[in-house]
């Protein structure tokens, strides 16, 4: 895929899909595509299907147009999957992929199996939002599109601190700033600012965290009963695993939160361990230094397995 515009020829309807529990890069990249098509190809009907997004991203243009339900039996000319490494992470919206006349995938997960008709997959790139920037004509990137892309890049680079950040990443960020976005507010409001109860659940997880493998692995768990007591949802837990990761001398951070059917595992690496391999072995996916999986086992059993797999790589 050289550019997005070439893929929109002779297309009258487009569905844009992202992964379940959408994060900043998923929301940002999907809405950037929606805004681009809506602005420059008004004759094309475009719909974004995502699960409910965190409130911090609702300032982005088009967020109020996101479709959360998948009741319609629409058959789209083109279905674009973004920031998603496998079809099983599309949730109910996967039906629009299967029924579409043509499919495309834009992603940067190393575990992506190139499942679409056309695949634009580059694991070495910092974010799907950075890939979207490269697929659009710079002169057609409006302030609203720039905000979407910047949000995605900020969240998947940890505000440009992860080693996936390159000189090109920073150059793109500079070009987005030139579009007039309030970049400091975006970083503060979407990455750093937390509610009181978010800080409380973070504090509880850190207080009860444990070290394994002689301090190489740190793990924290958010219990379902605590999440209910503090009135926090899974979408409010962003950032906890990254706070665990910056613990001195730690190589891998594991964060788990309980669900009704098991737990969700998030992994971060400081370089020595490929956590994508670990996540894939659990049926999940991700990047070399950031990955995750949905688990059916109890958190303690998952931790035991994580310990074994991390130890095997050290």
Protein backbone atom coordinates (compact mmCIF):
# COMPACT_ATOMS: atom_id res chain seq x y z
CA UNK A 1 0.00 0.00 0.00
CA UNK A 2 1.69 3.17 -1.22
CA UNK A 3 -1.01 5.52 0.00
CA UNK A 4 -4.55 5.38 1.32
CA UNK A 5 -6.05 7.41 -1.51
CA UNK A 6 -5.16 4.79 -4.15
CA UNK A 7 -7.12 2.20 -2.17
CA UNK A 8 -10.24 4.36 -2.18
CA UNK A 9 -10.72 4.35 -5.96
CA UNK A 10 -14.08 2.92 -7.05
CA UNK A 11 -15.05 2.52 -3.38
CA UNK A 12 -18.37 3.80 -2.03
CA UNK A 13 -18.28 2.41 1.51
CA UNK A 14 -15.50 1.77 4.04
CA UNK A 15 -15.46 0.11 7.46
CA UNK A 16 -12.55 0.91 9.79
CA UNK A 17 -11.96 -1.66 12.53
CA UNK A 18 -9.63 -1.70 15.53
CA UNK A 19 -8.83 -4.15 18.31
CA UNK A 20 -10.92 -4.84 21.40
CA UNK A 21 -10.25 -2.58 24.41
CA UNK A 22 -8.96 0.20 22.12
CA UNK A 23 -5.94 2.15 23.33
CA UNK A 24 -4.56 5.48 22.18
CA UNK A 25 -2.90 4.20 19.02
CA UNK A 26 -5.97 2.21 18.01
CA UNK A 27 -8.36 5.11 18.61
CA UNK A 28 -6.03 7.71 17.11
CA UNK A 29 -5.19 5.79 13.95
CA UNK A 30 -8.80 4.73 13.28
CA UNK A 31 -10.16 8.25 13.73
CA UNK A 32 -7.34 9.71 11.62
CA UNK A 33 -8.46 7.45 8.76
CA UNK A 34 -12.13 8.31 9.37
CA UNK A 35 -11.41 12.05 9.32
CA UNK A 36 -9.27 11.77 6.20
CA UNK A 37 -11.94 9.93 4.22
CA UNK A 38 -14.76 12.07 5.59
CA UNK A 39 -12.91 15.30 4.71
CA UNK A 40 -11.39 14.53 1.35
CA UNK A 41 -13.68 11.81 -0.02
CA UNK A 42 -17.15 12.98 1.12
CA UNK A 43 -18.81 10.76 -1.47
CA UNK A 44 -17.59 7.67 0.42
CA UNK A 45 -19.54 6.49 3.47
CA UNK A 46 -17.09 5.55 6.22
CA UNK A 47 -17.89 3.92 9.56
CA UNK A 48 -15.57 3.19 12.51
CA UNK A 49 -16.39 0.19 14.71
CA UNK A 50 -14.75 0.13 18.15
CA UNK A 51 -15.68 -0.86 21.65
CA UNK A 52 -16.41 2.15 23.94
CA UNK A 53 -13.27 4.27 24.15
CA UNK A 54 -11.76 5.95 27.23
CA UNK A 55 -13.18 9.41 27.94
CA UNK A 56 -9.73 10.98 27.53
CA UNK A 57 -9.92 10.39 23.77
CA UNK A 58 -13.40 11.79 23.25
CA UNK A 59 -12.07 15.24 22.29
CA UNK A 60 -10.89 13.78 18.98
CA UNK A 61 -13.07 14.69 16.03
CA UNK A 62 -15.35 11.83 15.06
CA UNK A 63 -15.23 10.08 18.43
CA UNK A 64 -18.97 10.67 18.79
CA UNK A 65 -19.53 8.90 15.46
CA UNK A 66 -17.88 5.62 16.48
CA UNK A 67 -20.20 2.65 16.19
CA UNK A 68 -20.10 0.37 19.22
CA UNK A 69 -22.79 -2.08 18.13
CA UNK A 70 -22.55 -4.50 15.22
CA UNK A 71 -26.25 -5.12 14.57
CA UNK A 72 -26.28 -4.04 10.93
CA UNK A 73 -25.56 -6.53 8.16
CA UNK A 74 -23.75 -3.95 6.04
CA UNK A 75 -21.44 -5.25 3.31
CA UNK A 76 -18.64 -2.74 2.76
CA UNK A 77 -16.60 -2.26 -0.39
CA UNK A 78 -13.45 -1.97 1.72
CA UNK A 79 -12.70 -2.98 5.29
CA UNK A 80 -9.53 -1.52 6.84
CA UNK A 81 -8.22 -3.20 10.00
CA UNK A 82 -5.86 -0.99 12.00
CA UNK A 83 -3.55 -1.66 14.95
CA UNK A 84 -4.74 -5.26 15.21
CA UNK A 85 -2.53 -8.32 14.81
CA UNK A 86 -5.20 -11.02 14.41
CA UNK A 87 -8.86 -11.38 13.52
CA UNK A 88 -9.81 -12.78 16.92
CA UNK A 89 -9.00 -9.37 18.44
CA UNK A 90 -11.63 -7.57 16.38
CA UNK A 91 -14.51 -8.77 18.53
CA UNK A 92 -17.99 -8.79 16.99
CA UNK A 93 -16.93 -6.38 14.24
CA UNK A 94 -14.95 -9.18 12.57
CA UNK A 95 -18.09 -9.96 10.56
CA UNK A 96 -17.58 -6.77 8.52
CA UNK A 97 -14.09 -7.99 7.62
CA UNK A 98 -15.40 -11.35 6.44
CA UNK A 99 -18.22 -9.86 4.36
CA UNK A 100 -16.25 -6.97 2.81
CA UNK A 101 -15.46 -7.04 -0.90
CA UNK A 102 -11.85 -6.09 -0.21
CA UNK A 103 -9.77 -6.01 2.98
CA UNK A 104 -6.64 -4.18 4.10
CA UNK A 105 -4.59 -4.22 7.28
CA UNK A 106 -2.40 -1.41 8.63
CA UNK A 107 -0.43 -2.50 11.66
CA UNK A 108 2.93 -2.57 13.46
CA UNK A 109 2.61 -5.66 15.68
CA UNK A 110 5.39 -8.21 15.20
CA UNK A 111 2.83 -10.99 15.70
CA UNK A 112 0.69 -9.86 12.74
CA UNK A 113 0.12 -12.73 10.30
CA UNK A 114 -0.82 -10.55 7.28
CA UNK A 115 -4.39 -11.83 7.11
CA UNK A 116 -5.94 -9.24 4.76
CA UNK A 117 -6.00 -8.95 0.97
CA UNK A 118 -3.51 -6.09 1.25
CA UNK A 119 -1.20 -5.75 4.23
CA UNK A 120 0.81 -2.71 5.32
CA UNK A 121 2.61 -4.21 8.32
CA UNK A 122 5.88 -2.78 9.64
CA UNK A 123 6.81 -4.02 13.16
CA UNK A 124 9.81 -1.70 13.38
CA UNK A 125 7.60 1.41 13.24
CA UNK A 126 6.62 3.01 16.54
CA UNK A 127 2.86 2.99 16.04
CA UNK A 128 0.07 2.38 13.58
CA UNK A 129 -0.58 6.11 13.75
CA UNK A 130 2.92 6.76 12.42
CA UNK A 131 2.14 4.39 9.54
CA UNK A 132 -1.09 6.28 8.84
CA UNK A 133 0.88 9.53 8.59
CA UNK A 134 3.01 7.95 5.89
CA UNK A 135 -0.05 6.87 3.91
CA UNK A 136 -1.59 10.35 3.77
CA UNK A 137 -0.61 13.37 1.71
CA UNK A 138 0.93 15.86 4.15
CA UNK A 139 -0.97 18.78 2.67
CA UNK A 140 -4.22 16.92 3.41
CA UNK A 141 -3.46 16.36 7.08
CA UNK A 142 -5.77 18.80 8.85
CA UNK A 143 -5.38 19.90 12.45
CA UNK A 144 -8.05 17.36 13.46
CA UNK A 145 -6.28 14.51 11.66
CA UNK A 146 -2.96 15.62 13.20
CA UNK A 147 -4.48 15.45 16.70
CA UNK A 148 -5.56 11.87 16.09
CA UNK A 149 -2.16 10.80 14.79
CA UNK A 150 -0.31 12.58 17.58
CA UNK A 151 -2.42 10.89 20.27
CA UNK A 152 -1.62 7.48 18.79
CA UNK A 153 2.09 8.16 18.56
CA UNK A 154 2.28 9.57 22.08
CA UNK A 155 0.59 6.55 23.62
CA UNK A 156 2.49 3.83 21.77
CA UNK A 157 5.88 5.45 22.37
CA UNK A 158 5.30 6.34 26.03
CA UNK A 159 5.64 10.02 25.06
CA UNK A 160 8.58 9.22 22.76
CA UNK A 161 10.66 7.34 25.35
CA UNK A 162 10.47 3.74 24.07
CA UNK A 163 13.21 2.46 21.81
CA UNK A 164 10.74 2.16 18.93
CA UNK A 165 11.02 5.96 18.71
CA UNK A 166 13.22 6.96 15.78
CA UNK A 167 14.40 10.18 14.20
CA UNK A 168 11.56 9.78 11.69
CA UNK A 169 9.08 9.47 14.57
CA UNK A 170 10.30 12.75 16.02
CA UNK A 171 10.29 14.45 12.61
CA UNK A 172 6.67 13.42 12.11
CA UNK A 173 5.78 14.68 15.58
CA UNK A 174 7.29 18.04 14.62
CA UNK A 175 5.24 18.18 11.44
CA UNK A 176 2.09 17.44 13.42
CA UNK A 177 2.92 20.27 15.84
CA UNK A 178 3.14 22.61 12.86
CA UNK A 179 -0.50 21.82 12.11
CA UNK A 180 -1.44 23.83 15.20
CA UNK A 181 -2.26 21.07 17.65
CA UNK A 182 -2.04 21.74 21.40
CA UNK A 183 0.58 19.05 21.92
CA UNK A 184 1.29 19.78 25.58
CA UNK A 185 -2.39 19.54 26.49
CA UNK A 186 -2.74 16.30 24.54
CA UNK A 187 0.13 14.72 26.48
CA UNK A 188 -1.05 15.98 29.86
CA UNK A 189 -4.74 15.19 29.41
CA UNK A 190 -4.45 11.80 27.72
CA UNK A 191 -1.25 10.31 29.12
CA UNK A 192 -0.43 11.73 32.56
CA UNK A 193 -3.67 12.97 34.13
CA UNK A 194 -5.44 10.32 36.26
CA UNK A 195 -8.57 10.38 38.35
CA UNK A 196 -8.35 10.01 42.12
CA UNK A 197 -9.58 6.40 41.94
CA UNK A 198 -7.12 5.59 39.16
CA UNK A 199 -4.32 6.76 41.43
CA UNK A 200 -5.74 4.67 44.27
CA UNK A 201 -5.82 1.45 42.23
CA UNK A 202 -2.30 2.23 40.97
CA UNK A 203 -1.12 2.67 44.56
CA UNK A 204 -2.72 -0.58 45.68
CA UNK A 205 -1.18 -2.56 42.81
CA UNK A 206 2.28 -1.07 43.50
CA UNK A 207 1.98 -1.67 47.25
CA UNK A 208 1.08 -5.31 46.74
CA UNK A 209 3.46 -5.96 43.82
CA UNK A 210 6.07 -8.72 44.10
CA UNK A 211 9.53 -9.42 42.74
CA UNK A 212 10.48 -12.73 41.15
CA UNK A 213 13.62 -14.23 39.59
CA UNK A 214 15.93 -12.34 41.95
CA UNK A 215 14.35 -9.02 41.04
CA UNK A 216 14.33 -9.45 37.26
CA UNK A 217 10.54 -9.72 37.11
CA UNK A 218 8.03 -7.51 38.89
CA UNK A 219 4.34 -8.38 38.92
CA UNK A 220 1.21 -6.60 40.09
CA UNK A 221 -2.43 -7.66 40.15
CA UNK A 222 -5.64 -5.63 40.17
CA UNK A 223 -8.27 -7.75 41.87
CA UNK A 224 -11.86 -7.65 40.65
CA UNK A 225 -13.15 -6.80 44.13
CA UNK A 226 -10.79 -3.81 44.37
CA UNK A 227 -11.75 -2.56 40.91
CA UNK A 228 -15.40 -2.69 41.90
CA UNK A 229 -14.79 -1.00 45.24
CA UNK A 230 -12.88 1.83 43.57
CA UNK A 231 -15.28 2.01 40.61
CA UNK A 232 -12.59 1.58 37.98
CA UNK A 233 -12.95 -0.27 34.69
CA UNK A 234 -10.28 -2.02 32.61
CA UNK A 235 -9.96 1.10 30.44
CA UNK A 236 -8.89 3.02 33.56
CA UNK A 237 -5.87 0.77 34.20
CA UNK A 238 -3.63 2.17 31.46
CA UNK A 239 -0.19 3.14 32.72
CA UNK A 240 0.07 0.70 35.62
CA UNK A 241 2.28 -1.78 33.77
CA UNK A 242 4.56 1.06 32.64
CA UNK A 243 4.96 2.26 36.22
CA UNK A 244 5.97 -1.27 37.22
CA UNK A 245 8.44 -1.38 34.32
CA UNK A 246 10.50 1.59 35.52
CA UNK A 247 11.40 -0.17 38.78
CA UNK A 248 15.19 -0.21 39.14
CA UNK A 249 16.96 -3.41 37.98
CA UNK A 250 13.75 -4.96 36.60
CA UNK A 251 13.91 -6.64 33.20
CA UNK A 252 10.21 -7.52 32.78
CA UNK A 253 7.01 -6.10 34.26
CA UNK A 254 3.80 -8.11 34.34
CA UNK A 255 0.44 -6.57 35.18
CA UNK A 256 -2.70 -8.64 35.48
CA UNK A 257 -6.25 -7.62 36.18
CA UNK A 258 -8.96 -10.08 37.01
CA UNK A 259 -12.00 -10.53 34.77
CA UNK A 260 -15.14 -12.61 35.17
CA UNK A 261 -13.56 -15.37 33.09
CA UNK A 262 -9.89 -15.22 34.08
CA UNK A 263 -7.51 -12.31 33.69
CA UNK A 264 -5.86 -9.94 31.24
CA UNK A 265 -2.06 -10.02 31.10
CA UNK A 266 0.11 -7.06 30.05
CA UNK A 267 3.87 -7.43 29.69
CA UNK A 268 6.65 -4.87 29.28
CA UNK A 269 10.35 -5.50 28.72
CA UNK A 270 13.41 -3.36 29.28
CA UNK A 271 15.29 -5.04 26.46
CA UNK A 272 16.60 -8.48 27.41
CA UNK A 273 13.33 -10.41 27.08
CA UNK A 274 11.10 -10.68 24.02
CA UNK A 275 7.66 -10.43 25.63
CA UNK A 276 5.91 -10.81 22.26
CA UNK A 277 7.09 -14.43 22.15
CA UNK A 278 5.67 -14.99 25.63
CA UNK A 279 2.34 -13.39 24.75
CA UNK A 280 2.04 -15.36 21.51
CA UNK A 281 2.58 -18.60 23.45
CA UNK A 282 -0.49 -17.62 25.49
CA UNK A 283 -2.56 -16.89 22.39
CA UNK A 284 -1.94 -13.14 22.55
CA UNK A 285 0.44 -10.86 20.69
CA UNK A 286 2.15 -7.52 20.57
CA UNK A 287 5.64 -6.11 20.27
CA UNK A 288 9.06 -7.26 21.41
CA UNK A 289 8.93 -4.90 24.39
CA UNK A 290 5.16 -4.58 24.93
CA UNK A 291 2.65 -7.39 24.59
CA UNK A 292 -0.37 -8.98 26.20
CA UNK A 293 -2.88 -11.81 26.25
CA UNK A 294 -6.29 -12.78 27.58
CA UNK A 295 -6.00 -15.69 30.00
CA UNK A 296 -8.56 -18.12 31.35
CA UNK A 297 -6.44 -19.14 34.34
CA UNK A 298 -6.31 -17.43 37.71
CA UNK A 299 -3.67 -14.67 38.05
CA UNK A 300 -1.39 -16.73 40.32
CA UNK A 301 -1.24 -19.57 37.80
CA UNK A 302 -0.57 -17.12 34.98
CA UNK A 303 2.28 -15.59 37.00
CA UNK A 304 3.81 -19.00 37.52
CA UNK A 305 3.81 -19.58 33.76
CA UNK A 306 5.17 -16.10 33.07
CA UNK A 307 8.02 -16.70 35.50
CA UNK A 308 8.99 -19.89 33.72
CA UNK A 309 8.96 -18.24 30.29
CA UNK A 310 10.89 -15.15 31.41
CA UNK A 311 13.48 -17.33 33.18
CA UNK A 312 13.97 -19.32 29.97
CA UNK A 313 15.00 -16.13 28.16
CA UNK A 314 17.30 -14.68 30.82
